[in-house]
Protein backbone atom coordinates (compact mmCIF):
# COMPACT_ATOMS: atom_id res chain seq x y z
CA MET A 1 -288.14 -57.23 -29.59
CA PHE A 2 -291.88 -57.50 -29.87
CA TYR A 3 -292.01 -56.26 -33.48
CA THR A 4 -290.12 -56.65 -36.73
CA ILE A 5 -288.81 -53.53 -38.45
CA THR A 6 -291.62 -53.84 -41.02
CA GLU A 7 -294.20 -53.92 -38.23
CA ILE A 8 -292.55 -50.88 -36.62
CA HIS A 9 -292.88 -49.07 -39.97
CA GLU A 10 -296.62 -49.78 -39.99
CA ILE A 11 -297.07 -48.48 -36.43
CA LEU A 12 -294.99 -45.33 -37.01
CA ARG A 13 -296.64 -44.59 -40.36
CA LYS A 14 -299.91 -44.10 -38.43
CA LYS A 15 -298.37 -41.98 -35.64
CA GLN A 16 -296.03 -39.69 -37.57
CA THR A 17 -296.73 -37.05 -40.18
CA GLY A 18 -295.72 -37.91 -43.73
CA SER A 19 -292.55 -35.82 -43.61
CA ARG A 20 -291.57 -37.17 -40.16
CA PHE A 21 -292.03 -40.74 -41.38
CA VAL A 22 -289.91 -40.05 -44.47
CA HIS A 23 -287.23 -38.60 -42.14
CA THR A 24 -287.48 -41.70 -39.92
CA LEU A 25 -286.89 -43.99 -42.90
CA GLY A 26 -283.99 -41.75 -43.97
CA VAL A 27 -282.36 -42.08 -40.55
CA GLN A 28 -282.85 -45.86 -40.59
CA TYR A 29 -281.27 -46.04 -44.06
CA THR A 30 -278.37 -43.72 -43.20
CA SER A 31 -277.74 -45.52 -39.90
CA ALA A 32 -277.49 -48.78 -41.85
CA CYS A 33 -275.04 -47.21 -44.33
CA LEU A 34 -272.85 -45.82 -41.54
CA ALA A 35 -273.00 -49.16 -39.70
CA MET A 36 -271.73 -50.94 -42.80
CA ARG A 37 -268.96 -48.36 -43.21
CA TYR A 38 -267.77 -48.56 -39.59
CA GLY A 39 -268.46 -52.24 -38.88
CA ALA A 40 -271.32 -51.74 -36.42
CA ASP A 41 -274.20 -54.16 -35.98
CA LEU A 42 -276.51 -53.53 -38.94
CA GLU A 43 -279.73 -54.68 -37.28
CA LYS A 44 -279.11 -52.58 -34.17
CA ALA A 45 -278.39 -49.54 -36.32
CA GLN A 46 -281.64 -49.98 -38.24
CA ILE A 47 -283.71 -50.49 -35.08
CA ALA A 48 -282.19 -47.44 -33.37
CA GLY A 49 -282.57 -45.41 -36.57
CA VAL A 50 -286.22 -46.30 -37.13
CA LEU A 51 -287.16 -45.73 -33.47
CA HIS A 52 -285.09 -42.60 -32.83
CA ASP A 53 -288.11 -40.28 -33.18
CA CYS A 54 -290.82 -42.66 -31.93
CA ALA A 55 -291.87 -40.04 -29.34
CA LYS A 56 -291.45 -36.98 -31.56
CA HIS A 57 -295.19 -36.86 -32.37
CA MET A 58 -296.03 -36.23 -28.70
CA LYS A 59 -296.87 -32.74 -27.51
CA PRO A 60 -294.23 -31.12 -25.24
CA GLU A 61 -296.55 -31.21 -22.21
CA LYS A 62 -297.13 -34.94 -22.76
CA LEU A 63 -293.37 -35.58 -22.93
CA LEU A 64 -292.88 -33.79 -19.61
CA GLU A 65 -295.82 -35.62 -18.07
CA LYS A 66 -294.43 -39.00 -19.24
CA CYS A 67 -291.03 -38.20 -17.70
CA ARG A 68 -292.57 -37.26 -14.38
CA LYS A 69 -294.85 -40.29 -14.34
CA HIS A 70 -292.00 -42.73 -15.05
CA ASP A 71 -289.24 -40.95 -13.06
CA LEU A 72 -287.18 -40.06 -16.13
CA LEU A 73 -284.54 -37.36 -15.64
CA VAL A 74 -285.48 -33.84 -16.80
CA THR A 75 -282.77 -31.17 -17.02
CA GLN A 76 -283.42 -27.43 -16.60
CA ALA A 77 -283.19 -26.89 -20.36
CA GLN A 78 -285.63 -29.75 -20.95
CA GLU A 79 -288.00 -28.32 -18.34
CA ARG A 80 -288.01 -25.03 -20.29
CA HIS A 81 -288.20 -26.81 -23.66
CA PRO A 82 -289.85 -30.21 -23.19
CA PHE A 83 -289.61 -31.05 -26.91
CA LEU A 84 -285.97 -31.87 -26.10
CA LEU A 85 -287.27 -34.86 -24.12
CA HIS A 86 -288.38 -36.83 -27.18
CA GLY A 87 -285.14 -38.85 -27.15
CA ARG A 88 -285.43 -39.81 -23.49
CA VAL A 89 -289.14 -40.63 -23.78
CA GLY A 90 -288.41 -42.40 -27.08
CA ALA A 91 -285.95 -44.72 -25.35
CA TYR A 92 -288.57 -45.46 -22.70
CA ILE A 93 -291.20 -46.23 -25.38
CA ALA A 94 -288.72 -48.36 -27.34
CA ARG A 95 -288.21 -50.46 -24.22
CA LYS A 96 -291.82 -50.64 -23.01
CA LYS A 97 -293.82 -50.70 -26.24
CA TYR A 98 -291.42 -52.20 -28.78
CA GLY A 99 -289.56 -54.57 -26.46
CA VAL A 100 -286.06 -53.22 -27.11
CA ASP A 101 -283.82 -54.30 -24.25
CA ASP A 102 -280.39 -53.60 -25.75
CA PRO A 103 -278.83 -50.71 -23.76
CA ASP A 104 -276.80 -49.53 -26.76
CA ILE A 105 -279.93 -49.14 -28.92
CA LEU A 106 -281.76 -47.41 -26.07
CA ASN A 107 -278.83 -45.01 -25.51
CA ALA A 108 -278.64 -44.25 -29.25
CA ILE A 109 -282.32 -43.27 -29.17
CA GLU A 110 -282.02 -41.27 -25.94
CA TRP A 111 -278.95 -39.26 -26.95
CA HIS A 112 -279.59 -38.74 -30.68
CA THR A 113 -280.41 -35.04 -30.21
CA THR A 114 -277.74 -33.73 -27.82
CA GLY A 115 -275.13 -36.44 -27.99
CA ARG A 116 -273.02 -37.15 -24.91
CA PRO A 117 -269.36 -37.61 -24.10
CA GLU A 118 -267.92 -41.04 -24.88
CA MET A 119 -270.76 -42.12 -27.14
CA SER A 120 -270.65 -45.69 -28.41
CA LEU A 121 -270.21 -46.30 -32.12
CA LEU A 122 -273.95 -46.91 -32.49
CA GLU A 123 -274.80 -43.71 -30.62
CA LYS A 124 -272.52 -41.69 -32.92
CA ILE A 125 -274.03 -43.38 -35.96
CA VAL A 126 -277.63 -42.49 -35.06
CA PHE A 127 -276.67 -38.98 -33.89
CA THR A 128 -274.96 -38.37 -37.24
CA ALA A 129 -277.59 -40.10 -39.37
CA ASP A 130 -280.29 -37.89 -37.87
CA TYR A 131 -278.43 -34.83 -39.14
CA ILE A 132 -277.24 -35.99 -42.57
CA GLU A 133 -280.02 -38.31 -43.80
CA PRO A 134 -280.93 -37.72 -47.47
CA ASN A 135 -284.16 -35.82 -46.78
CA ARG A 136 -282.44 -33.12 -44.73
CA ASN A 137 -281.54 -30.08 -46.76
CA LYS A 138 -281.46 -27.00 -44.54
CA ALA A 139 -278.20 -27.35 -42.61
CA PRO A 140 -275.18 -25.49 -43.97
CA ASN A 141 -272.29 -27.48 -45.45
CA LEU A 142 -274.43 -30.62 -45.62
CA GLU A 143 -272.61 -32.07 -48.62
CA LYS A 144 -269.25 -31.67 -46.85
CA LEU A 145 -270.67 -33.11 -43.61
CA ARG A 146 -272.04 -36.16 -45.41
CA LYS A 147 -268.62 -36.84 -46.92
CA ILE A 148 -266.82 -36.39 -43.58
CA SER A 149 -269.35 -38.69 -41.87
CA PHE A 150 -268.10 -41.59 -43.96
CA GLU A 151 -264.43 -40.68 -43.39
CA ASP A 152 -264.18 -39.69 -39.71
CA LEU A 153 -267.23 -40.18 -37.50
CA ASP A 154 -265.81 -38.36 -34.46
CA ARG A 155 -265.05 -35.33 -36.60
CA ALA A 156 -268.57 -35.44 -38.06
CA VAL A 157 -270.06 -35.51 -34.53
CA TYR A 158 -267.90 -32.52 -33.58
CA LEU A 159 -268.89 -30.53 -36.68
CA ILE A 160 -272.60 -31.29 -36.23
CA LEU A 161 -272.43 -30.09 -32.62
CA GLU A 162 -270.47 -26.99 -33.67
CA GLN A 163 -273.09 -26.08 -36.30
CA THR A 164 -275.95 -26.81 -33.91
CA LEU A 165 -274.49 -24.63 -31.17
CA GLU A 166 -273.75 -21.81 -33.62
CA TYR A 167 -277.37 -21.95 -34.79
CA LEU A 168 -278.67 -21.97 -31.20
CA GLN A 169 -276.50 -18.95 -30.22
CA GLU A 170 -279.41 -16.81 -31.41
CA SER A 171 -281.43 -18.28 -28.50
CA PRO A 172 -278.91 -19.37 -25.84
CA GLN A 173 -281.71 -20.37 -23.45
CA ASP A 174 -282.64 -23.13 -25.93
CA VAL A 175 -279.27 -24.89 -25.61
CA ASP A 176 -279.30 -28.15 -23.69
CA GLU A 177 -276.20 -28.22 -21.48
CA MET A 178 -275.38 -31.74 -22.68
CA SER A 179 -274.81 -30.45 -26.23
CA GLU A 180 -272.17 -28.04 -24.91
CA VAL A 181 -270.52 -30.70 -22.73
CA THR A 182 -270.48 -33.12 -25.67
CA PHE A 183 -269.06 -30.48 -28.01
CA ARG A 184 -266.17 -29.77 -25.60
CA TYR A 185 -265.53 -33.50 -25.18
CA TYR A 186 -265.21 -34.10 -28.95
CA LYS A 187 -263.18 -30.91 -29.42
CA ASP A 188 -260.70 -32.18 -26.80
CA LEU A 189 -260.76 -35.71 -28.26
CA LEU A 190 -259.84 -34.37 -31.69
CA LYS A 191 -257.30 -31.95 -30.14
CA LEU A 192 -258.82 -28.93 -31.90
C-alpha cells in the first residue's frame, strides 16, 4: 500500500461529500467489527471498508469512460446505469492509486454493491457493512438485519439481497443480473 488508513481518510475527505465520507467511515468501522466477530483480517477489512466507495464521487459517464479506457468489464445493466460501476472502478483505483495489491481486498471493493456467488469472508463483510453501517437508517428491518449480521453472515447477505431486489422490483431494468444470481446462490446455500 502506498498510503496509511489515516492518509486515505485525508484524501477521501477532500473527494467525498460530508455524508458520503461519514458513510465511508461507518463502513470501515462496521467492517472492522464484523472482522473481529468472524475472525477475518482486521487491517484488510478496514482497508476494503474505507476504500469501498473511493469511486462513488465520479459521474456515471466518467465511470463508463474509465471502464472503457482500462478494459474493465461492463454488463448490460451497468451500461444502462453506469453508477453501478463504482465498485469495479473503485477496485481499479484502489490498485492503481492506493497501491492495494491484495486480490481479496480488491474483490471486496468490486463486489460490495451486487455481491457474487461464493464470496470470500472479507467480501461478505464489506457487502454487509455497506448496508448496515450505523449511519444508514432507511432500509426496512435494519435493527433485525444488524443483529443477524453478527449471528449468521450468509443469512445476512441473503436478506440484504432479498430486500434490495424487492426494492428494485419497482424498476426491474435497474437490477444488475449479478444481484439476482447472487441471491439465488445464497438462497440455495441456506436451503431456503
